[in-house]
Amino acid sequence: MKKFLKSFKYAAYGIIKAISQERNMRIHICMTVYVLTAAFITKLGVGEWLAVLLCCALVISAEAINTAIEKMCDVLHPEKGEKIGVVKDIAAGAVLVCALFSAAVGCVVFFSRESLGNAGAFIRGHTVLTIILASTLVPAIMFICGRRRDDN
């Protein structure tokens, strides 16, 4: 049981490190929070929720794998090289593919007539909450652009 709990501890540590050290991971985390908020506001159905949750998990997981590959490349090949650069570019490209397809899913889900109607009704009926939600953009940008920590 101890080994089982330790594995969760190490995994959580890895997630925290990725968030604290990688701006792109912070972007994906912030976007996930906004997407899930939009999912609540637009009253998505079960299938739409599953699609959105899978896309969020896919993009964040791909970014974590990309980060791990980049860190490993930096350790194994600290000097810049064309071949190692290609490896890093391919890993980053995988994240881009996941993000683009997730954005396409988001467009299908959130730009339906029903979702847009539910969003409009929320904005009209919850002005204060809408203002509060909009006011979170500045702290989110500050979180994303926060200084990079190089403490390995």
N, C-alpha and C. Protein backbone atom coordinates (compact mmCIF):
# COMPACT_ATOMS: atom_id res chain seq x y z
N MET A 1 0.82 -1.19 0.00
CA MET A 1 0.00 0.00 0.00
C MET A 1 0.87 1.27 0.00
N LYS A 2 2.02 1.23 0.72
CA LYS A 2 2.90 2.39 0.77
C LYS A 2 3.44 2.73 -0.61
N LYS A 3 3.84 1.70 -1.38
CA LYS A 3 4.36 1.93 -2.73
C LYS A 3 3.27 2.55 -3.60
N PHE A 4 2.06 2.09 -3.42
CA PHE A 4 0.93 2.60 -4.18
C PHE A 4 0.73 4.09 -3.90
N LEU A 5 0.76 4.47 -2.64
CA LEU A 5 0.59 5.87 -2.25
C LEU A 5 1.78 6.72 -2.69
N LYS A 6 2.99 6.14 -2.63
CA LYS A 6 4.17 6.87 -3.08
C LYS A 6 4.09 7.19 -4.56
N SER A 7 3.54 6.26 -5.35
CA SER A 7 3.43 6.51 -6.78
C SER A 7 2.51 7.70 -7.05
N PHE A 8 1.44 7.84 -6.28
CA PHE A 8 0.57 9.01 -6.42
C PHE A 8 1.29 10.29 -6.01
N LYS A 9 2.10 10.19 -4.96
CA LYS A 9 2.87 11.34 -4.49
C LYS A 9 3.84 11.81 -5.57
N TYR A 10 4.54 10.87 -6.19
CA TYR A 10 5.49 11.23 -7.24
C TYR A 10 4.76 11.80 -8.47
N ALA A 11 3.64 11.23 -8.80
CA ALA A 11 2.86 11.73 -9.94
C ALA A 11 2.37 13.15 -9.67
N ALA A 12 1.87 13.40 -8.48
CA ALA A 12 1.41 14.75 -8.12
C ALA A 12 2.58 15.73 -8.16
N TYR A 13 3.72 15.30 -7.67
CA TYR A 13 4.93 16.14 -7.70
C TYR A 13 5.27 16.49 -9.15
N GLY A 14 5.18 15.51 -10.05
CA GLY A 14 5.47 15.75 -11.46
C GLY A 14 4.51 16.75 -12.08
N ILE A 15 3.24 16.65 -11.74
CA ILE A 15 2.25 17.60 -12.25
C ILE A 15 2.55 19.00 -11.74
N ILE A 16 2.85 19.11 -10.46
CA ILE A 16 3.16 20.42 -9.86
C ILE A 16 4.40 21.02 -10.52
N LYS A 17 5.43 20.20 -10.75
CA LYS A 17 6.65 20.68 -11.41
C LYS A 17 6.34 21.16 -12.83
N ALA A 18 5.54 20.39 -13.55
CA ALA A 18 5.20 20.78 -14.93
C ALA A 18 4.45 22.11 -14.94
N ILE A 19 3.52 22.29 -14.02
CA ILE A 19 2.75 23.53 -13.95
C ILE A 19 3.66 24.70 -13.56
N SER A 20 4.53 24.47 -12.58
CA SER A 20 5.36 25.57 -12.10
C SER A 20 6.47 25.96 -13.08
N GLN A 21 6.91 25.03 -13.91
CA GLN A 21 8.04 25.29 -14.79
C GLN A 21 7.67 25.53 -16.25
N GLU A 22 6.49 25.14 -16.66
CA GLU A 22 6.16 25.19 -18.09
C GLU A 22 4.97 26.10 -18.36
N ARG A 23 5.23 27.19 -19.07
CA ARG A 23 4.19 28.16 -19.39
C ARG A 23 3.06 27.51 -20.20
N ASN A 24 3.41 26.65 -21.14
CA ASN A 24 2.37 26.01 -21.95
C ASN A 24 1.44 25.15 -21.09
N MET A 25 1.98 24.51 -20.07
CA MET A 25 1.13 23.72 -19.19
C MET A 25 0.17 24.65 -18.44
N ARG A 26 0.65 25.80 -18.01
CA ARG A 26 -0.23 26.76 -17.33
C ARG A 26 -1.32 27.26 -18.28
N ILE A 27 -0.98 27.44 -19.54
CA ILE A 27 -2.00 27.83 -20.54
C ILE A 27 -3.07 26.75 -20.63
N HIS A 28 -2.65 25.49 -20.74
CA HIS A 28 -3.61 24.39 -20.87
C HIS A 28 -4.47 24.25 -19.61
N ILE A 29 -3.87 24.43 -18.44
CA ILE A 29 -4.64 24.35 -17.19
C ILE A 29 -5.69 25.46 -17.14
N CYS A 30 -5.29 26.68 -17.46
CA CYS A 30 -6.24 27.81 -17.45
C CYS A 30 -7.35 27.59 -18.47
N MET A 31 -6.99 27.15 -19.66
CA MET A 31 -8.01 26.90 -20.68
C MET A 31 -8.96 25.81 -20.23
N THR A 32 -8.45 24.80 -19.55
CA THR A 32 -9.31 23.74 -19.05
C THR A 32 -10.32 24.28 -18.05
N VAL A 33 -9.87 25.14 -17.15
CA VAL A 33 -10.78 25.73 -16.17
C VAL A 33 -11.88 26.52 -16.88
N TYR A 34 -11.52 27.32 -17.88
CA TYR A 34 -12.52 28.10 -18.61
C TYR A 34 -13.45 27.21 -19.43
N VAL A 35 -12.91 26.17 -20.04
CA VAL A 35 -13.74 25.25 -20.82
C VAL A 35 -14.74 24.52 -19.91
N LEU A 36 -14.28 24.07 -18.75
CA LEU A 36 -15.19 23.38 -17.84
C LEU A 36 -16.25 24.34 -17.29
N THR A 37 -15.85 25.58 -17.06
CA THR A 37 -16.83 26.59 -16.64
C THR A 37 -17.87 26.80 -17.74
N ALA A 38 -17.41 26.90 -18.98
CA ALA A 38 -18.33 27.06 -20.10
C ALA A 38 -19.25 25.84 -20.23
N ALA A 39 -18.72 24.67 -19.93
CA ALA A 39 -19.54 23.46 -20.00
C ALA A 39 -20.68 23.51 -18.98
N PHE A 40 -20.40 24.01 -17.79
CA PHE A 40 -21.47 24.18 -16.79
C PHE A 40 -22.48 25.22 -17.26
N ILE A 41 -21.99 26.34 -17.74
CA ILE A 41 -22.86 27.44 -18.15
C ILE A 41 -23.77 27.04 -19.30
N THR A 42 -23.24 26.30 -20.26
CA THR A 42 -24.01 25.94 -21.45
C THR A 42 -24.83 24.66 -21.26
N LYS A 43 -24.75 24.07 -20.08
CA LYS A 43 -25.56 22.89 -19.73
C LYS A 43 -25.39 21.77 -20.75
N LEU A 44 -24.15 21.34 -20.92
CA LEU A 44 -23.86 20.28 -21.88
C LEU A 44 -24.53 18.98 -21.49
N GLY A 45 -24.79 18.15 -22.50
CA GLY A 45 -25.30 16.81 -22.27
C GLY A 45 -24.16 15.87 -21.89
N VAL A 46 -24.51 14.65 -21.55
CA VAL A 46 -23.51 13.68 -21.09
C VAL A 46 -22.46 13.41 -22.17
N GLY A 47 -22.87 13.19 -23.40
CA GLY A 47 -21.92 12.92 -24.47
C GLY A 47 -20.99 14.08 -24.73
N GLU A 48 -21.53 15.29 -24.66
CA GLU A 48 -20.70 16.48 -24.86
C GLU A 48 -19.72 16.64 -23.71
N TRP A 49 -20.18 16.37 -22.49
CA TRP A 49 -19.28 16.42 -21.33
C TRP A 49 -18.12 15.43 -21.51
N LEU A 50 -18.45 14.22 -21.94
CA LEU A 50 -17.40 13.22 -22.13
C LEU A 50 -16.38 13.68 -23.17
N ALA A 51 -16.87 14.25 -24.28
CA ALA A 51 -15.96 14.73 -25.33
C ALA A 51 -15.06 15.83 -24.79
N VAL A 52 -15.64 16.77 -24.04
CA VAL A 52 -14.86 17.89 -23.50
C VAL A 52 -13.84 17.39 -22.48
N LEU A 53 -14.26 16.52 -21.57
CA LEU A 53 -13.34 16.00 -20.56
C LEU A 53 -12.20 15.21 -21.20
N LEU A 54 -12.52 14.37 -22.18
CA LEU A 54 -11.47 13.61 -22.87
C LEU A 54 -10.49 14.53 -23.58
N CYS A 55 -10.99 15.57 -24.22
CA CYS A 55 -10.10 16.52 -24.91
C CYS A 55 -9.19 17.24 -23.92
N CYS A 56 -9.76 17.68 -22.80
CA CYS A 56 -8.94 18.36 -21.78
C CYS A 56 -7.85 17.43 -21.26
N ALA A 57 -8.23 16.20 -20.95
CA ALA A 57 -7.25 15.23 -20.44
C ALA A 57 -6.19 14.92 -21.49
N LEU A 58 -6.61 14.81 -22.73
CA LEU A 58 -5.67 14.49 -23.81
C LEU A 58 -4.63 15.59 -23.99
N VAL A 59 -5.08 16.85 -24.01
CA VAL A 59 -4.15 17.96 -24.23
C VAL A 59 -3.18 18.10 -23.05
N ILE A 60 -3.69 18.02 -21.83
CA ILE A 60 -2.82 18.16 -20.65
C ILE A 60 -1.84 16.99 -20.58
N SER A 61 -2.31 15.79 -20.89
CA SER A 61 -1.41 14.63 -20.89
C SER A 61 -0.35 14.75 -21.98
N ALA A 62 -0.75 15.19 -23.15
CA ALA A 62 0.22 15.36 -24.24
C ALA A 62 1.26 16.41 -23.87
N GLU A 63 0.83 17.48 -23.22
CA GLU A 63 1.79 18.52 -22.79
C GLU A 63 2.75 17.96 -21.74
N ALA A 64 2.24 17.15 -20.83
CA ALA A 64 3.11 16.54 -19.81
C ALA A 64 4.14 15.60 -20.46
N ILE A 65 3.70 14.82 -21.42
CA ILE A 65 4.63 13.92 -22.12
C ILE A 65 5.65 14.74 -22.91
N ASN A 66 5.20 15.79 -23.57
CA ASN A 66 6.11 16.67 -24.30
C ASN A 66 7.15 17.26 -23.36
N THR A 67 6.71 17.72 -22.20
CA THR A 67 7.63 18.30 -21.22
C THR A 67 8.65 17.26 -20.77
N ALA A 68 8.19 16.05 -20.50
CA ALA A 68 9.11 14.98 -20.08
C ALA A 68 10.13 14.67 -21.17
N ILE A 69 9.68 14.62 -22.42
CA ILE A 69 10.60 14.35 -23.52
C ILE A 69 11.63 15.47 -23.65
N GLU A 70 11.17 16.72 -23.55
CA GLU A 70 12.10 17.84 -23.65
C GLU A 70 13.12 17.83 -22.52
N LYS A 71 12.67 17.56 -21.29
CA LYS A 71 13.59 17.52 -20.15
C LYS A 71 14.61 16.39 -20.34
N MET A 72 14.15 15.24 -20.79
CA MET A 72 15.05 14.11 -20.98
C MET A 72 16.07 14.44 -22.08
N CYS A 73 15.61 15.07 -23.15
CA CYS A 73 16.53 15.47 -24.23
C CYS A 73 17.58 16.44 -23.72
N ASP A 74 17.16 17.37 -22.86
CA ASP A 74 18.11 18.35 -22.31
C ASP A 74 19.16 17.69 -21.44
N VAL A 75 18.78 16.63 -20.73
CA VAL A 75 19.73 15.93 -19.87
C VAL A 75 20.68 15.07 -20.72
N LEU A 76 20.12 14.35 -21.68
CA LEU A 76 20.92 13.43 -22.48
C LEU A 76 21.77 14.15 -23.52
N HIS A 77 21.32 15.32 -23.97
CA HIS A 77 22.02 16.03 -25.03
C HIS A 77 21.96 17.53 -24.73
N PRO A 78 22.74 18.00 -23.72
CA PRO A 78 22.63 19.40 -23.28
C PRO A 78 22.99 20.43 -24.35
N GLU A 79 23.90 20.08 -25.24
CA GLU A 79 24.24 21.04 -26.29
C GLU A 79 23.19 20.95 -27.39
N LYS A 80 22.96 22.07 -28.05
CA LYS A 80 21.96 22.12 -29.12
C LYS A 80 22.43 21.27 -30.29
N GLY A 81 21.48 20.54 -30.85
CA GLY A 81 21.79 19.72 -32.01
C GLY A 81 20.55 19.57 -32.88
N GLU A 82 20.78 19.40 -34.18
CA GLU A 82 19.66 19.32 -35.11
C GLU A 82 18.77 18.10 -34.82
N LYS A 83 19.38 16.95 -34.57
CA LYS A 83 18.59 15.74 -34.35
C LYS A 83 17.75 15.83 -33.08
N ILE A 84 18.32 16.36 -32.02
CA ILE A 84 17.58 16.49 -30.76
C ILE A 84 16.48 17.54 -30.92
N GLY A 85 16.75 18.55 -31.73
CA GLY A 85 15.74 19.57 -32.02
C GLY A 85 14.54 18.98 -32.75
N VAL A 86 14.80 18.06 -33.66
CA VAL A 86 13.72 17.39 -34.38
C VAL A 86 12.85 16.58 -33.42
N VAL A 87 13.50 15.88 -32.49
CA VAL A 87 12.75 15.10 -31.49
C VAL A 87 11.83 16.02 -30.69
N LYS A 88 12.36 17.15 -30.24
CA LYS A 88 11.56 18.10 -29.46
C LYS A 88 10.43 18.68 -30.31
N ASP A 89 10.72 18.98 -31.57
CA ASP A 89 9.68 19.53 -32.45
C ASP A 89 8.55 18.53 -32.68
N ILE A 90 8.89 17.27 -32.85
CA ILE A 90 7.87 16.24 -33.05
C ILE A 90 6.99 16.12 -31.82
N ALA A 91 7.60 16.14 -30.63
CA ALA A 91 6.82 16.06 -29.39
C ALA A 91 5.90 17.26 -29.26
N ALA A 92 6.41 18.45 -29.58
CA ALA A 92 5.58 19.66 -29.52
C ALA A 92 4.48 19.59 -30.57
N GLY A 93 4.78 19.04 -31.72
CA GLY A 93 3.77 18.87 -32.77
C GLY A 93 2.62 17.98 -32.34
N ALA A 94 2.93 16.95 -31.56
CA ALA A 94 1.88 16.07 -31.04
C ALA A 94 0.91 16.84 -30.15
N VAL A 95 1.45 17.74 -29.34
CA VAL A 95 0.60 18.58 -28.49
C VAL A 95 -0.27 19.49 -29.35
N LEU A 96 0.33 20.05 -30.38
CA LEU A 96 -0.42 20.93 -31.27
C LEU A 96 -1.58 20.20 -31.94
N VAL A 97 -1.33 18.98 -32.41
CA VAL A 97 -2.40 18.19 -33.03
C VAL A 97 -3.53 17.96 -32.03
N CYS A 98 -3.19 17.58 -30.81
CA CYS A 98 -4.21 17.36 -29.77
C CYS A 98 -4.99 18.64 -29.49
N ALA A 99 -4.28 19.76 -29.40
CA ALA A 99 -4.94 21.03 -29.10
C ALA A 99 -5.84 21.47 -30.25
N LEU A 100 -5.40 21.31 -31.49
CA LEU A 100 -6.22 21.71 -32.62
C LEU A 100 -7.49 20.88 -32.74
N PHE A 101 -7.36 19.56 -32.57
CA PHE A 101 -8.55 18.71 -32.63
C PHE A 101 -9.47 18.98 -31.44
N SER A 102 -8.90 19.28 -30.29
CA SER A 102 -9.72 19.63 -29.13
C SER A 102 -10.46 20.94 -29.37
N ALA A 103 -9.80 21.89 -30.01
CA ALA A 103 -10.46 23.15 -30.35
C ALA A 103 -11.61 22.91 -31.33
N ALA A 104 -11.41 22.00 -32.27
CA ALA A 104 -12.48 21.67 -33.22
C ALA A 104 -13.67 21.04 -32.48
N VAL A 105 -13.38 20.14 -31.56
CA VAL A 105 -14.46 19.55 -30.75
C VAL A 105 -15.17 20.64 -29.96
N GLY A 106 -14.39 21.56 -29.38
CA GLY A 106 -14.98 22.68 -28.64
C GLY A 106 -15.89 23.53 -29.50
N CYS A 107 -15.49 23.78 -30.73
CA CYS A 107 -16.34 24.57 -31.64
C CYS A 107 -17.66 23.86 -31.91
N VAL A 108 -17.60 22.56 -32.16
CA VAL A 108 -18.82 21.79 -32.41
C VAL A 108 -19.72 21.80 -31.18
N VAL A 109 -19.13 21.60 -30.02
CA VAL A 109 -19.92 21.51 -28.77
C VAL A 109 -20.47 22.87 -28.34
N PHE A 110 -19.62 23.88 -28.31
CA PHE A 110 -20.01 25.16 -27.72
C PHE A 110 -20.69 26.13 -28.68
N PHE A 111 -20.54 25.93 -29.97
CA PHE A 111 -21.18 26.84 -30.91
C PHE A 111 -22.44 26.27 -31.53
N SER A 112 -23.06 25.32 -30.84
CA SER A 112 -24.37 24.84 -31.28
C SER A 112 -25.41 25.88 -30.86
N ARG A 113 -26.55 25.85 -31.51
CA ARG A 113 -27.61 26.81 -31.20
C ARG A 113 -28.02 26.71 -29.73
N GLU A 114 -28.14 25.48 -29.21
CA GLU A 114 -28.56 25.29 -27.82
C GLU A 114 -27.52 25.83 -26.83
N SER A 115 -26.25 25.52 -27.07
CA SER A 115 -25.20 25.99 -26.17
C SER A 115 -25.10 27.51 -26.16
N LEU A 116 -25.17 28.11 -27.33
CA LEU A 116 -25.11 29.57 -27.41
C LEU A 116 -26.32 30.20 -26.72
N GLY A 117 -27.49 29.58 -26.88
CA GLY A 117 -28.69 30.07 -26.20
C GLY A 117 -28.56 29.99 -24.69
N ASN A 118 -28.02 28.87 -24.21
CA ASN A 118 -27.82 28.71 -22.76
C ASN A 118 -26.79 29.71 -22.23
N ALA A 119 -25.74 29.97 -23.01
CA ALA A 119 -24.73 30.95 -22.59
C ALA A 119 -25.35 32.34 -22.53
N GLY A 120 -26.14 32.70 -23.53
CA GLY A 120 -26.80 34.00 -23.53
C GLY A 120 -27.75 34.16 -22.36
N ALA A 121 -28.50 33.10 -22.06
CA ALA A 121 -29.41 33.15 -20.92
C ALA A 121 -28.64 33.31 -19.61
N PHE A 122 -27.50 32.64 -19.50
CA PHE A 122 -26.68 32.78 -18.29
C PHE A 122 -26.18 34.21 -18.14
N ILE A 123 -25.70 34.78 -19.22
CA ILE A 123 -25.16 36.15 -19.17
C ILE A 123 -26.27 37.14 -18.78
N ARG A 124 -27.44 36.98 -19.38
CA ARG A 124 -28.56 37.88 -19.06
C ARG A 124 -29.05 37.68 -17.62
N GLY A 125 -29.04 36.47 -17.15
CA GLY A 125 -29.58 36.17 -15.82
C GLY A 125 -28.59 36.26 -14.67
N HIS A 126 -27.31 36.29 -14.98
CA HIS A 126 -26.27 36.29 -13.94
C HIS A 126 -25.19 37.33 -14.27
N THR A 127 -25.59 38.57 -14.30
CA THR A 127 -24.67 39.64 -14.69
C THR A 127 -23.45 39.71 -13.77
N VAL A 128 -23.69 39.63 -12.48
CA VAL A 128 -22.59 39.73 -11.52
C VAL A 128 -21.62 38.56 -11.69
N LEU A 129 -22.14 37.35 -11.83
CA LEU A 129 -21.26 36.19 -12.03
C LEU A 129 -20.48 36.31 -13.33
N THR A 130 -21.13 36.85 -14.36
CA THR A 130 -20.44 37.04 -15.63
C THR A 130 -19.29 38.04 -15.48
N ILE A 131 -19.52 39.10 -14.74
CA ILE A 131 -18.45 40.09 -14.50
C ILE A 131 -17.33 39.47 -13.68
N ILE A 132 -17.69 38.69 -12.68
CA ILE A 132 -16.66 38.02 -11.86
C ILE A 132 -15.85 37.07 -12.73
N LEU A 133 -16.53 36.30 -13.57
CA LEU A 133 -15.83 35.38 -14.47
C LEU A 133 -14.89 36.13 -15.40
N ALA A 134 -15.36 37.22 -15.98
CA ALA A 134 -14.52 38.03 -16.86
C ALA A 134 -13.32 38.61 -16.11
N SER A 135 -13.53 38.95 -14.85
CA SER A 135 -12.44 39.55 -14.06
C SER A 135 -11.35 38.53 -13.71
N THR A 136 -11.60 37.26 -13.93
CA THR A 136 -10.57 36.26 -13.66
C THR A 136 -9.53 36.19 -14.78
N LEU A 137 -9.79 36.88 -15.87
CA LEU A 137 -8.84 36.83 -16.99
C LEU A 137 -7.48 37.44 -16.64
N VAL A 138 -7.48 38.53 -15.91
CA VAL A 138 -6.20 39.17 -15.54
C VAL A 138 -5.37 38.24 -14.63
N PRO A 139 -5.96 37.69 -13.55
CA PRO A 139 -5.15 36.75 -12.74
C PRO A 139 -4.71 35.52 -13.54
N ALA A 140 -5.54 35.07 -14.47
CA ALA A 140 -5.16 33.91 -15.29
C ALA A 140 -3.95 34.25 -16.15
N ILE A 141 -3.95 35.43 -16.74
CA ILE A 141 -2.81 35.86 -17.55
C ILE A 141 -1.56 36.00 -16.69
N MET A 142 -1.74 36.53 -15.49
CA MET A 142 -0.59 36.65 -14.58
C MET A 142 -0.05 35.27 -14.20
N PHE A 143 -0.94 34.31 -13.98
CA PHE A 143 -0.55 32.94 -13.66
C PHE A 143 0.22 32.33 -14.83
N ILE A 144 -0.29 32.52 -16.03
CA ILE A 144 0.35 31.96 -17.22
C ILE A 144 1.73 32.57 -17.44
N CYS A 145 1.83 33.87 -17.30
CA CYS A 145 3.08 34.58 -17.60
C CYS A 145 4.01 34.66 -16.40
N GLY A 146 3.63 34.06 -15.29
CA GLY A 146 4.46 34.10 -14.09
C GLY A 146 5.88 33.68 -14.37
N ARG A 147 6.75 34.15 -13.53
CA ARG A 147 8.17 33.86 -13.76
C ARG A 147 8.43 32.37 -13.79
N ARG A 148 9.37 31.98 -14.63
CA ARG A 148 9.74 30.58 -14.76
C ARG A 148 10.67 30.20 -13.63
N ARG A 149 10.42 29.08 -13.04
CA ARG A 149 11.26 28.59 -11.94
C ARG A 149 12.17 27.50 -12.47
N ASP A 150 13.46 27.69 -12.33
CA ASP A 150 14.41 26.71 -12.84
C ASP A 150 14.96 25.79 -11.77
N ASP A 151 14.26 25.68 -10.65
CA ASP A 151 14.74 24.79 -9.59
C ASP A 151 14.33 23.36 -9.91
N ASN A 152 15.27 22.62 -10.45
CA ASN A 152 14.99 21.24 -10.87
C ASN A 152 14.82 20.43 -9.65
